[in-house]
Protein backbone atom coordinates (compact mmCIF):
# COMPACT_ATOMS: atom_id res chain seq x y z
CA MET A 1 -4.03 32.10 -9.57
CA PRO A 2 -0.37 30.91 -9.68
CA ARG A 3 1.06 31.00 -13.19
CA PHE A 4 2.18 27.33 -13.19
CA ILE A 5 -1.39 26.18 -12.30
CA LEU A 6 -2.78 28.34 -15.10
CA LEU A 7 -0.29 26.79 -17.53
CA ILE A 8 -1.32 23.26 -16.55
CA MET A 9 -5.00 24.15 -16.98
CA MET A 10 -4.31 25.59 -20.44
CA LEU A 11 -2.39 22.48 -21.49
CA CYS A 12 -5.15 20.20 -20.28
CA LEU A 13 -7.83 22.21 -22.08
CA ALA A 14 -5.75 22.29 -25.26
CA GLY A 15 -4.96 18.60 -25.34
CA GLY A 16 -7.98 17.10 -23.59
CA PRO A 17 -7.81 13.99 -21.40
CA LEU A 18 -4.64 12.64 -23.05
CA ALA A 19 -2.69 15.78 -22.12
CA ALA A 20 -3.98 15.53 -18.56
CA ASP A 21 -2.90 11.87 -18.39
CA ARG A 22 0.57 12.78 -19.59
CA LEU A 23 0.98 15.51 -16.98
CA ALA A 24 -0.30 13.23 -14.22
CA TYR A 25 2.15 10.48 -15.22
CA LEU A 26 5.09 12.87 -15.32
CA ASP A 27 4.14 14.23 -11.91
CA MET A 28 3.90 10.74 -10.37
CA ALA A 29 7.17 9.72 -12.04
CA ARG A 30 8.95 12.68 -10.44
CA ARG A 31 7.47 11.91 -7.03
CA GLY A 32 8.30 8.20 -7.20
CA TRP A 33 11.71 8.25 -8.86
CA THR A 34 13.38 11.60 -8.15
CA TYR A 35 14.96 11.21 -4.71
CA ASP A 36 18.22 10.87 -2.80
CA LEU A 37 19.16 7.58 -1.17
CA ARG A 38 17.54 7.25 2.24
CA THR A 39 18.62 4.89 4.98
CA THR A 40 17.30 3.88 8.37
CA MET A 41 20.28 1.67 9.16
CA PRO A 42 22.32 2.92 12.15
CA ARG A 43 26.06 3.42 11.86
CA ARG A 44 26.00 2.81 8.12
CA ASN A 45 28.97 4.19 6.17
CA LEU A 46 27.41 6.78 3.85
CA SER A 47 30.63 7.50 1.94
CA THR A 48 30.08 4.58 -0.48
CA PRO A 49 29.18 5.83 -4.00
CA VAL A 50 25.61 4.98 -4.97
CA ASN A 51 24.23 4.43 -8.47
CA ILE A 52 20.49 3.80 -8.58
CA SER A 53 19.25 2.31 -11.83
CA GLY A 54 16.27 0.00 -12.08
CA ARG A 55 17.91 -1.79 -14.99
CA ASP A 56 20.57 -3.10 -12.60
CA MET A 57 17.96 -5.55 -11.34
CA ALA A 58 17.18 -7.00 -14.77
CA GLY A 59 18.21 -10.63 -14.88
CA SER A 60 19.02 -10.82 -11.16
CA SER A 61 18.36 -14.17 -9.56
CA LEU A 62 15.75 -14.50 -6.82
CA CYS A 63 16.81 -16.57 -3.82
CA LEU A 64 14.02 -17.61 -1.46
CA VAL A 65 14.89 -18.30 2.17
CA GLY A 66 12.97 -18.97 5.36
CA GLN A 67 9.65 -20.68 4.84
CA PRO A 68 9.06 -22.32 1.47
CA PRO A 69 6.55 -20.27 -0.52
CA HIS A 70 2.93 -21.26 -0.10
CA PRO A 71 1.11 -21.93 -3.41
CA ALA A 72 -0.49 -18.47 -3.45
CA SER A 73 2.87 -16.79 -2.80
CA LEU A 74 4.56 -18.88 -5.47
CA ASP A 75 1.89 -17.99 -8.04
CA THR A 76 2.37 -14.27 -7.37
CA ILE A 77 6.15 -14.52 -7.53
CA ASN A 78 6.09 -16.47 -10.80
CA VAL A 79 3.70 -14.04 -12.50
CA PHE A 80 5.89 -11.11 -11.45
CA ARG A 81 8.98 -12.94 -12.75
CA ALA A 82 7.23 -13.46 -16.08
CA LEU A 83 6.26 -9.78 -16.25
CA ALA A 84 9.83 -8.65 -15.47
CA HIS A 85 11.18 -11.04 -18.11
CA HIS A 86 8.72 -9.64 -20.65
CA VAL A 87 9.57 -6.00 -19.89
CA PHE A 88 13.34 -6.20 -19.32
CA GLY A 89 14.07 -9.02 -21.74
CA LYS A 90 15.97 -11.11 -19.19
CA PRO A 91 14.69 -14.04 -17.13
CA ILE A 92 14.79 -14.02 -13.32
CA PRO A 93 16.13 -17.40 -12.17
CA MET A 94 14.73 -18.53 -8.83
CA ARG A 95 15.57 -21.17 -6.24
CA TYR A 96 14.76 -22.00 -2.63
CA ALA A 97 17.92 -22.06 -0.47
CA GLY A 98 16.48 -23.13 2.88
CA PRO A 99 16.62 -21.23 6.18
CA ASP A 100 19.99 -19.50 5.72
CA ALA A 101 20.61 -16.59 3.33
CA SER A 102 24.31 -17.41 3.13
CA ALA A 103 23.32 -20.40 0.98
CA CYS A 104 22.22 -17.94 -1.71
CA GLY A 105 25.79 -16.94 -2.54
CA SER A 106 26.92 -13.52 -3.73
CA GLY A 107 26.48 -11.87 -7.10
CA ARG A 108 23.36 -10.36 -8.65
CA THR A 109 20.96 -11.98 -6.22
CA VAL A 110 17.81 -10.67 -4.54
CA ILE A 111 17.09 -12.39 -1.23
CA LEU A 112 13.41 -12.92 -0.42
CA ARG A 113 12.70 -14.19 3.10
CA LEU A 114 9.17 -15.49 3.60
CA TYR A 115 7.65 -16.17 6.99
CA SER A 116 4.36 -16.48 8.85
CA GLY A 117 3.63 -15.84 12.48
CA HIS A 118 5.99 -13.59 14.43
CA PRO A 119 8.72 -11.74 12.45
CA PRO A 120 12.00 -13.72 12.40
CA ASN A 121 14.12 -10.80 13.60
CA GLN A 122 17.07 -13.01 14.49
CA ALA A 123 17.09 -14.44 10.97
CA LEU A 124 16.74 -10.94 9.51
CA SER A 125 19.77 -9.79 11.52
CA ALA A 126 21.73 -12.83 10.34
CA ASP A 127 20.78 -12.12 6.71
CA LEU A 128 21.92 -8.51 6.89
CA GLY A 129 25.07 -9.44 8.81
CA TRP A 130 26.00 -11.88 6.05
CA MET A 131 25.27 -9.27 3.36
CA ASN A 132 27.37 -6.77 5.31
CA ARG A 133 30.36 -9.11 5.19
CA ILE A 134 29.88 -10.02 1.53
CA TYR A 135 29.23 -6.55 0.11
CA GLY A 136 31.06 -4.34 2.61
CA LEU A 137 27.96 -2.37 3.50
CA GLY A 138 29.47 -0.58 6.49
CA LEU A 139 26.86 -1.77 8.98
CA GLY A 140 27.88 -2.37 12.57
CA SER A 141 29.43 -5.81 12.96
CA HIS A 142 27.11 -6.75 15.83
CA SER A 143 24.00 -4.88 14.76
CA SER A 144 20.56 -6.38 15.25
CA PHE A 145 17.50 -5.50 13.20
CA ALA A 146 13.76 -5.90 13.56
CA ALA A 147 10.87 -5.95 11.12
CA THR A 148 8.88 -2.72 11.11
CA SER A 149 6.10 -3.90 8.78
CA PRO A 150 4.84 -7.19 7.32
CA GLY A 151 6.42 -6.29 4.00
CA MET A 152 9.79 -4.55 3.83
CA ALA A 153 12.63 -4.30 1.34
CA GLN A 154 15.88 -2.40 1.03
CA THR A 155 18.78 -2.30 -1.39
CA PHE A 156 22.18 -1.79 0.21
CA PHE A 157 25.20 -0.27 -1.54
CA GLY A 158 28.62 -1.32 -0.32
CA ARG A 159 32.29 -1.22 -1.23
CA ARG A 160 32.02 -4.63 -2.94
CA GLY A 161 28.69 -4.27 -4.68
CA GLN A 162 25.01 -3.99 -3.87
CA GLY A 163 22.48 -6.41 -2.46
CA THR A 164 18.70 -6.38 -2.07
CA HIS A 165 16.87 -7.97 0.84
CA ILE A 166 13.09 -8.44 0.94
CA MET A 167 11.16 -9.89 3.88
CA VAL A 168 7.44 -10.53 3.46
CA LYS A 169 4.88 -12.19 5.69
CA GLN A 170 2.85 -14.88 3.95
CA SER A 171 -0.39 -16.52 4.91
CA PRO A 172 -0.37 -19.59 7.14
CA ARG A 173 -1.68 -22.57 5.21
CA SER A 174 -4.82 -22.68 7.35
CA GLN A 175 -5.92 -19.20 6.25
CA SER A 176 -7.85 -18.93 3.02
CA GLY A 177 -10.29 -16.04 3.51
CA SER A 178 -10.60 -13.37 0.83
CA LEU A 179 -9.24 -10.61 3.07
CA GLU A 180 -6.15 -12.65 3.99
CA ARG A 181 -5.50 -13.59 0.37
CA ALA A 182 -5.79 -9.97 -0.75
CA PHE A 183 -3.55 -8.72 2.06
CA TYR A 184 -0.67 -11.15 1.60
CA LYS A 185 -0.76 -10.92 -2.17
CA SER A 186 -0.78 -7.12 -2.07
CA ILE A 187 2.26 -6.72 0.17
CA LEU A 188 4.25 -9.27 -1.84
CA ILE A 189 3.51 -7.52 -5.15
CA GLU A 190 4.45 -4.14 -3.69
CA GLU A 191 7.83 -5.23 -2.32
CA LEU A 192 8.78 -7.06 -5.52
CA TYR A 193 7.78 -4.10 -7.69
CA GLN A 194 9.63 -1.51 -5.64
CA SER A 195 12.75 -3.68 -5.40
CA PHE A 196 12.94 -4.24 -9.16
CA THR A 197 12.19 -0.64 -10.21
CA PHE A 198 13.50 1.51 -7.30
CA GLY A 199 10.20 3.38 -7.16
CA MET A 200 9.39 5.05 -3.83
CA ASP A 201 6.09 5.44 -1.98
CA ILE A 202 3.80 8.25 -3.18
CA LEU A 203 1.45 9.60 -0.52
CA LEU A 204 -2.14 10.19 -1.62
CA PHE A 205 -4.09 12.25 0.91
CA ASP A 206 -7.30 12.58 -1.12
CA GLN A 207 -9.00 9.20 -0.71
CA THR A 208 -11.68 10.14 -3.26
CA ALA A 209 -9.15 10.69 -6.06
CA GLY A 210 -8.76 7.01 -6.95
CA PHE A 211 -5.50 5.10 -7.15
CA GLN A 212 -3.36 5.22 -10.27
CA SER A 213 -0.30 3.40 -8.90
CA LYS A 214 0.65 0.64 -6.50
CA LEU A 215 3.17 3.14 -5.12
CA GLN A 216 0.39 5.41 -3.90
CA GLU A 217 -0.64 5.05 -0.27
CA THR A 218 -3.22 6.82 1.83
CA PRO A 219 -1.87 7.40 5.36
CA VAL A 220 -3.52 5.20 8.00
CA SER A 221 -2.83 4.83 11.71
CA LEU A 222 -2.07 1.18 12.49
CA TYR A 223 0.01 1.73 15.62
CA HIS A 224 -0.10 -1.19 18.06
CA LEU A 225 -2.44 -3.25 15.85
CA PRO A 226 -1.36 -6.90 15.43
CA TRP A 227 -0.37 -7.64 11.84
CA ASP A 228 -2.58 -10.73 11.86
CA SER A 229 -5.68 -8.78 12.92
CA ARG A 230 -8.48 -8.25 10.44
CA VAL A 231 -8.54 -4.52 11.25
CA PHE A 232 -4.85 -4.19 10.31
CA MET A 233 -5.27 -6.21 7.12
CA ARG A 234 -8.39 -4.35 6.04
CA ASN A 235 -6.77 -0.96 6.53
CA MET A 236 -3.65 -2.04 4.67
CA VAL A 237 -5.64 -3.47 1.76
CA ASN A 238 -7.68 -0.25 1.50
CA SER A 239 -4.63 2.03 1.71
CA ASN A 240 -3.39 1.28 -1.81
CA PRO A 241 -4.28 -0.81 -4.90
CA SER A 242 -4.40 -4.58 -4.64
CA GLY A 243 -2.05 -4.99 -7.60
CA LEU A 244 -0.16 -3.09 -10.28
CA CYS A 245 -1.83 -0.29 -12.22
CA ARG A 246 -1.29 0.97 -15.76
CA PHE A 247 1.14 3.60 -14.47
CA ASP A 248 3.27 0.93 -12.76
CA VAL A 249 3.59 -1.08 -15.96
CA PHE A 250 4.33 2.15 -17.83
CA MET A 251 7.17 2.91 -15.42
CA MET A 252 8.60 -0.61 -15.74
CA HIS A 253 8.89 -0.02 -19.48
CA ALA A 254 10.40 3.42 -18.85
CA VAL A 255 13.03 1.95 -16.51
CA ALA A 256 13.81 -0.77 -19.07
CA GLN A 257 14.10 1.58 -22.06
CA ALA A 258 15.61 4.84 -20.78
CA PRO A 259 19.31 5.22 -21.77
CA VAL A 260 20.27 7.07 -18.58
CA GLY A 261 22.90 6.36 -15.98
CA GLN A 262 20.53 6.62 -13.02
CA THR A 263 16.75 6.43 -12.92
CA THR A 264 16.67 9.03 -10.14
CA GLU A 265 18.10 11.83 -12.26
CA PRO A 266 16.16 14.50 -14.24
CA ALA A 267 17.25 12.92 -17.54
CA PHE A 268 15.03 9.95 -16.74
CA ILE A 269 11.95 12.16 -16.43
CA ASN A 270 12.93 13.96 -19.64
CA TYR A 271 13.11 10.61 -21.44
CA ILE A 272 9.62 9.70 -20.25
CA ASP A 273 8.27 13.03 -21.49
CA GLN A 274 9.90 12.64 -24.91
CA HIS A 275 8.92 8.97 -25.39
CA TYR A 276 5.56 8.98 -23.66
CA ASP A 277 3.57 7.68 -26.65
CA ASP A 278 5.92 4.75 -27.31
CA LEU A 279 6.00 3.82 -23.63
CA MET A 280 2.21 3.91 -23.47
CA ARG A 281 1.99 1.70 -26.56
CA ARG A 282 4.25 -0.87 -24.90
CA THR A 283 2.19 -0.58 -21.72
CA GLU A 284 -1.11 -1.30 -23.47
CA LEU A 285 0.34 -4.39 -25.14
CA THR A 286 1.57 -5.67 -21.78
CA LEU A 287 -1.75 -4.98 -20.07
CA GLY A 288 -3.48 -6.96 -22.80
CA ASP A 289 -1.46 -10.11 -22.07
CA ALA A 290 -3.66 -12.37 -19.93
CA GLN A 291 -0.72 -14.16 -18.28
CA PHE A 292 0.07 -11.04 -16.24
CA ALA A 293 -3.52 -10.28 -15.19
CA PRO A 294 -3.28 -11.98 -11.75
CA ILE A 295 -1.01 -9.22 -10.42
CA PHE A 296 -2.89 -6.28 -11.98
CA ASP A 297 -5.62 -4.37 -10.17
CA PRO A 298 -8.52 -3.99 -12.65
CA ALA A 299 -10.00 -1.21 -10.52
CA CYS A 300 -7.08 1.13 -11.22
CA ARG A 301 -5.37 -0.08 -14.40
CA SER A 302 -7.72 1.97 -16.60
CA ALA A 303 -7.79 5.06 -14.37
CA ASN A 304 -7.08 8.44 -15.98
């Protein structure tokens, strides 16, 4: 038996379930927050210095473009804004700017483009072209971009600052089935959470293990399936939790409290280890606040 596995078993036996929880949280934190910047953007200038800290997003304004938010989308966005305000101590101002992202202005602004139907790839390209000019991202001046999933988000680092762009499909007003509601709500929560914490996807191959984080995903093959199809939606809904779990709230508090330069560096994980009990206390208080319940998944929030 490898020595590191034996050590983990001894620690778990010595400390019981609480010690096992702590080790599991530290492992997920490493997998979700210890990474190098990745990009899929062609011809991007990678020489720009990058500083990744979730606290940079605290107090950023949220600028909605494209379709106005449907009532269900607006409810989800507002609950997430309230949760972020509670955890980070700064409000997230929000406004709807119409069809054009350039109306959002520069500064500490997160752009959220909502749409239904076919992906607005031309509008996406226009958004990123405008951000390229404003922030000096180093993208090709005539580049075009296309949506690769119904929910996608990326933060860009440029010579004149950083900008975050989120594009999420929302339900047409005529759709009100439980599967559709769960699907559209789930992808919106996930993109908002990842954008405001810089947490990355965590693959979970054992489908019997149970989800402990919204970041966890079980791999599914959805190639060539229409995003509006019930098969696609059902597989997406089943591939990860419907909302935030206890671990996700725990990590929001860790991002908000850790006095580190970057939340992708080992010092961040060390802080979580040293302040685990205090972070868990803050987490339990937050989970107990009923105003945030609509974006929590009760099936995973109490998982060990």
